[in-house]
Amino acid sequence: MADKTAQTIYIDADPRTVMDAIADIGAYPQWVSEYQETEVLDSDEEGYPLTARLVLDAAVLKDTMVLSYEWPADRKSVRWSLVSSSLLRALDGAYTLAPKGSGTDVTYELSVELVIPIIGLLKRKAERRLTDTALKDLKKWVEG
């Protein structure tokens, strides 16, 4: 990921529990306010999503995206990239988990490129808002 935004949050749960929540893309509409609908299109032999369709409704950005996922064998991270979208040229993201005490530090990296160019400052501000909201929603979901 080139020009990206990254943020980290501490979640009071073990890495496996956190990754299970991240991998359950079908449940995203229950805890990620920006996703109206999600559908796993293809999974690996362990049930981890390889491709998924997500319907996004985030204030100024409404789109249906298909994302491709990469799950390393250690399950301490996941990366995704854009397969198709009407508004985005690129979307690359990753969650990386690191045990910390009785919980987990979760780092979320995101890089978004819209079809219509926007000023870099506005783009980074939007990426920061998306990563901040996603991490806080994930924390609330896992700890709740």
C-alpha atoms as a PDB file:
ATOM      1  CA  MET A   1       0.000   0.000   0.000  1.00  0.00           C
ATOM      2  CA  ALA A   2       1.493   3.315  -1.038  1.00  0.00           C
ATOM      3  CA  ASP A   3       0.135   6.498   0.577  1.00  0.00           C
ATOM      4  CA  LYS A   4      -1.835   4.964   3.470  1.00  0.00           C
ATOM      5  CA  THR A   5      -3.437   5.851   6.780  1.00  0.00           C
ATOM      6  CA  ALA A   6      -2.782   3.632   9.820  1.00  0.00           C
ATOM      7  CA  GLN A   7      -4.249   3.615  13.323  1.00  0.00           C
ATOM      8  CA  THR A   8      -4.009   1.227  16.266  1.00  0.00           C
ATOM      9  CA  ILE A   9      -6.431   0.422  19.076  1.00  0.00           C
ATOM     10  CA  TYR A  10      -6.232  -1.924  22.072  1.00  0.00           C
ATOM     11  CA  ILE A  11      -9.008  -4.525  22.343  1.00  0.00           C
ATOM     12  CA  ASP A  12      -9.478  -6.479  25.567  1.00  0.00           C
ATOM     13  CA  ALA A  13      -9.696  -9.892  23.878  1.00  0.00           C
ATOM     14  CA  ASP A  14      -7.220 -12.463  22.586  1.00  0.00           C
ATOM     15  CA  PRO A  15      -6.049 -12.208  18.951  1.00  0.00           C
ATOM     16  CA  ARG A  16      -8.065 -15.278  17.873  1.00  0.00           C
ATOM     17  CA  THR A  17     -11.337 -13.739  19.109  1.00  0.00           C
ATOM     18  CA  VAL A  18     -10.532 -10.453  17.357  1.00  0.00           C
ATOM     19  CA  MET A  19      -9.617 -12.196  14.079  1.00  0.00           C
ATOM     20  CA  ASP A  20     -12.783 -14.303  14.230  1.00  0.00           C
ATOM     21  CA  ALA A  21     -14.815 -11.066  14.355  1.00  0.00           C
ATOM     22  CA  ILE A  22     -12.836  -9.562  11.456  1.00  0.00           C
ATOM     23  CA  ALA A  23     -13.254 -12.739   9.377  1.00  0.00           C
ATOM     24  CA  ASP A  24     -17.033 -12.861   9.930  1.00  0.00           C
ATOM     25  CA  ILE A  25     -17.805 -10.515   7.050  1.00  0.00           C
ATOM     26  CA  GLY A  26     -21.434 -11.655   6.994  1.00  0.00           C
ATOM     27  CA  ALA A  27     -21.915 -10.042  10.424  1.00  0.00           C
ATOM     28  CA  TYR A  28     -20.449  -6.645   9.451  1.00  0.00           C
ATOM     29  CA  PRO A  29     -23.852  -4.942   9.014  1.00  0.00           C
ATOM     30  CA  GLN A  30     -24.531  -5.722  12.703  1.00  0.00           C
ATOM     31  CA  TRP A  31     -21.545  -3.732  13.951  1.00  0.00           C
ATOM     32  CA  VAL A  32     -20.088  -1.620  11.113  1.00  0.00           C
ATOM     33  CA  SER A  33     -22.520   1.250  10.575  1.00  0.00           C
ATOM     34  CA  GLU A  34     -21.245   1.990   7.036  1.00  0.00           C
ATOM     35  CA  TYR A  35     -22.036  -1.500   5.666  1.00  0.00           C
ATOM     36  CA  GLN A  36     -25.668  -1.978   4.713  1.00  0.00           C
ATOM     37  CA  GLU A  37     -25.195  -5.468   3.259  1.00  0.00           C
ATOM     38  CA  THR A  38     -22.378  -8.013   2.917  1.00  0.00           C
ATOM     39  CA  GLU A  39     -22.038 -11.341   1.151  1.00  0.00           C
ATOM     40  CA  VAL A  40     -19.109 -13.761   1.110  1.00  0.00           C
ATOM     41  CA  LEU A  41     -18.702 -14.911  -2.497  1.00  0.00           C
ATOM     42  CA  ASP A  42     -15.868 -17.416  -2.018  1.00  0.00           C
ATOM     43  CA  SER A  43     -14.072 -18.934   1.002  1.00  0.00           C
ATOM     44  CA  ASP A  44     -10.975 -21.021   1.596  1.00  0.00           C
ATOM     45  CA  GLU A  45     -11.088 -24.557   3.042  1.00  0.00           C
ATOM     46  CA  GLU A  46     -11.092 -23.154   6.607  1.00  0.00           C
ATOM     47  CA  GLY A  47     -14.032 -20.854   5.879  1.00  0.00           C
ATOM     48  CA  TYR A  48     -12.061 -17.596   5.659  1.00  0.00           C
ATOM     49  CA  PRO A  49     -13.469 -15.270   2.978  1.00  0.00           C
ATOM     50  CA  LEU A  50     -11.464 -14.962  -0.241  1.00  0.00           C
ATOM     51  CA  THR A  51     -13.871 -12.593  -2.005  1.00  0.00           C
ATOM     52  CA  ALA A  52     -16.849 -10.661  -0.674  1.00  0.00           C
ATOM     53  CA  ARG A  53     -19.377  -8.109  -1.857  1.00  0.00           C
ATOM     54  CA  LEU A  54     -20.004  -5.159   0.476  1.00  0.00           C
ATOM     55  CA  VAL A  55     -22.614  -2.435   0.093  1.00  0.00           C
ATOM     56  CA  LEU A  56     -21.154   0.750   1.572  1.00  0.00           C
ATOM     57  CA  ASP A  57     -23.189   3.753   2.688  1.00  0.00           C
ATOM     58  CA  ALA A  58     -20.762   6.156   4.369  1.00  0.00           C
ATOM     59  CA  ALA A  59     -22.251   9.663   4.229  1.00  0.00           C
ATOM     60  CA  VAL A  60     -20.762  10.968   0.965  1.00  0.00           C
ATOM     61  CA  LEU A  61     -19.698   7.559  -0.367  1.00  0.00           C
ATOM     62  CA  LYS A  62     -22.317   5.033  -1.478  1.00  0.00           C
ATOM     63  CA  ASP A  63     -20.994   2.071  -3.440  1.00  0.00           C
ATOM     64  CA  THR A  64     -21.071  -1.688  -3.933  1.00  0.00           C
ATOM     65  CA  MET A  65     -17.573  -3.144  -3.807  1.00  0.00           C
ATOM     66  CA  VAL A  66     -16.092  -6.576  -4.329  1.00  0.00           C
ATOM     67  CA  LEU A  67     -12.949  -7.178  -2.274  1.00  0.00           C
ATOM     68  CA  SER A  68     -10.321  -9.905  -2.425  1.00  0.00           C
ATOM     69  CA  TYR A  69      -8.756 -11.135   0.860  1.00  0.00           C
ATOM     70  CA  GLU A  70      -5.394 -12.691   1.748  1.00  0.00           C
ATOM     71  CA  TRP A  71      -5.149 -14.631   5.032  1.00  0.00           C
ATOM     72  CA  PRO A  72      -1.601 -15.590   6.106  1.00  0.00           C
ATOM     73  CA  ALA A  73      -1.350 -19.025   7.743  1.00  0.00           C
ATOM     74  CA  ASP A  74      -0.631 -17.549  11.188  1.00  0.00           C
ATOM     75  CA  ARG A  75      -3.957 -15.604  11.094  1.00  0.00           C
ATOM     76  CA  LYS A  76      -2.271 -12.587  12.726  1.00  0.00           C
ATOM     77  CA  SER A  77      -3.195 -10.336   9.832  1.00  0.00           C
ATOM     78  CA  VAL A  78      -5.465 -10.002   6.830  1.00  0.00           C
ATOM     79  CA  ARG A  79      -5.052  -7.892   3.698  1.00  0.00           C
ATOM     80  CA  TRP A  80      -7.670  -6.951   1.169  1.00  0.00           C
ATOM     81  CA  SER A  81      -7.784  -5.180  -2.170  1.00  0.00           C
ATOM     82  CA  LEU A  82     -10.418  -3.945  -4.549  1.00  0.00           C
ATOM     83  CA  VAL A  83     -11.721  -6.228  -7.299  1.00  0.00           C
ATOM     84  CA  SER A  84     -14.558  -3.979  -8.526  1.00  0.00           C
ATOM     85  CA  SER A  85     -16.388  -0.770  -7.643  1.00  0.00           C
ATOM     86  CA  SER A  86     -18.110   2.067  -9.438  1.00  0.00           C
ATOM     87  CA  LEU A  87     -16.603   4.878  -7.334  1.00  0.00           C
ATOM     88  CA  LEU A  88     -13.188   3.541  -6.331  1.00  0.00           C
ATOM     89  CA  ARG A  89     -10.103   3.028  -8.456  1.00  0.00           C
ATOM     90  CA  ALA A  90      -8.245   1.302  -5.600  1.00  0.00           C
ATOM     91  CA  LEU A  91      -8.848   0.256  -2.008  1.00  0.00           C
ATOM     92  CA  ASP A  92      -6.162  -1.584  -0.093  1.00  0.00           C
ATOM     93  CA  GLY A  93      -6.426  -2.393   3.576  1.00  0.00           C
ATOM     94  CA  ALA A  94      -5.038  -4.578   6.310  1.00  0.00           C
ATOM     95  CA  TYR A  95      -5.604  -5.521   9.919  1.00  0.00           C
ATOM     96  CA  THR A  96      -2.537  -6.647  11.865  1.00  0.00           C
ATOM     97  CA  LEU A  97      -2.943  -8.151  15.340  1.00  0.00           C
ATOM     98  CA  ALA A  98      -0.315  -8.185  18.099  1.00  0.00           C
ATOM     99  CA  PRO A  99      -0.866  -9.737  21.541  1.00  0.00           C
ATOM    100  CA  LYS A 100      -0.518  -7.180  24.333  1.00  0.00           C
ATOM    101  CA  GLY A 101      -1.039  -8.279  27.933  1.00  0.00           C
ATOM    102  CA  SER A 102      -4.426  -9.974  28.147  1.00  0.00           C
ATOM    103  CA  GLY A 103      -5.618  -8.331  24.940  1.00  0.00           C
ATOM    104  CA  THR A 104      -4.630  -7.365  21.434  1.00  0.00           C
ATOM    105  CA  ASP A 105      -3.295  -4.291  19.661  1.00  0.00           C
ATOM    106  CA  VAL A 106      -5.118  -4.022  16.334  1.00  0.00           C
ATOM    107  CA  THR A 107      -3.593  -1.883  13.584  1.00  0.00           C
ATOM    108  CA  TYR A 108      -5.763  -0.929  10.626  1.00  0.00           C
ATOM    109  CA  GLU A 109      -4.091   0.366   7.441  1.00  0.00           C
ATOM    110  CA  LEU A 110      -6.136   1.842   4.616  1.00  0.00           C
ATOM    111  CA  SER A 111      -5.444   3.408   1.243  1.00  0.00           C
ATOM    112  CA  VAL A 112      -8.333   4.599  -0.919  1.00  0.00           C
ATOM    113  CA  GLU A 113      -8.252   6.041  -4.417  1.00  0.00           C
ATOM    114  CA  LEU A 114     -11.472   7.411  -5.857  1.00  0.00           C
ATOM    115  CA  VAL A 115     -12.279   7.407  -9.568  1.00  0.00           C
ATOM    116  CA  ILE A 116     -12.754  11.185  -9.250  1.00  0.00           C
ATOM    117  CA  PRO A 117      -9.543  12.781  -7.924  1.00  0.00           C
ATOM    118  CA  ILE A 118      -9.783  14.666  -4.627  1.00  0.00           C
ATOM    119  CA  ILE A 119      -7.315  16.804  -2.700  1.00  0.00           C
ATOM    120  CA  GLY A 120      -4.835  14.689  -0.725  1.00  0.00           C
ATOM    121  CA  LEU A 121      -5.706  16.379   2.561  1.00  0.00           C
ATOM    122  CA  LEU A 122      -9.414  15.533   2.173  1.00  0.00           C
ATOM    123  CA  LYS A 123      -8.573  11.971   1.137  1.00  0.00           C
ATOM    124  CA  ARG A 124      -6.381  11.406   4.205  1.00  0.00           C
ATOM    125  CA  LYS A 125      -9.021  12.942   6.465  1.00  0.00           C
ATOM    126  CA  ALA A 126     -11.640  10.539   5.057  1.00  0.00           C
ATOM    127  CA  GLU A 127      -9.264   7.573   5.459  1.00  0.00           C
ATOM    128  CA  ARG A 128      -8.565   8.568   9.084  1.00  0.00           C
ATOM    129  CA  ARG A 129     -12.288   8.815   9.792  1.00  0.00           C
ATOM    130  CA  LEU A 130     -12.929   5.398   8.236  1.00  0.00           C
ATOM    131  CA  THR A 131     -10.087   3.701  10.139  1.00  0.00           C
ATOM    132  CA  ASP A 132     -11.033   5.391  13.424  1.00  0.00           C
ATOM    133  CA  THR A 133     -14.700   4.409  13.104  1.00  0.00           C
ATOM    134  CA  ALA A 134     -13.873   0.844  12.043  1.00  0.00           C
ATOM    135  CA  LEU A 135     -11.508   0.290  14.984  1.00  0.00           C
ATOM    136  CA  LYS A 136     -13.949   1.736  17.526  1.00  0.00           C
ATOM    137  CA  ASP A 137     -16.801  -0.363  16.093  1.00  0.00           C
ATOM    138  CA  LEU A 138     -14.623  -3.493  16.170  1.00  0.00           C
ATOM    139  CA  LYS A 139     -13.632  -2.826  19.798  1.00  0.00           C
ATOM    140  CA  LYS A 140     -17.252  -2.306  20.853  1.00  0.00           C
ATOM    141  CA  TRP A 141     -18.369  -5.482  19.009  1.00  0.00           C
ATOM    142  CA  VAL A 142     -15.607  -7.748  20.367  1.00  0.00           C
ATOM    143  CA  GLU A 143     -15.689  -6.422  23.937  1.00  0.00           C
ATOM    144  CA  GLY A 144     -19.491  -6.209  24.048  1.00  0.00           C
END
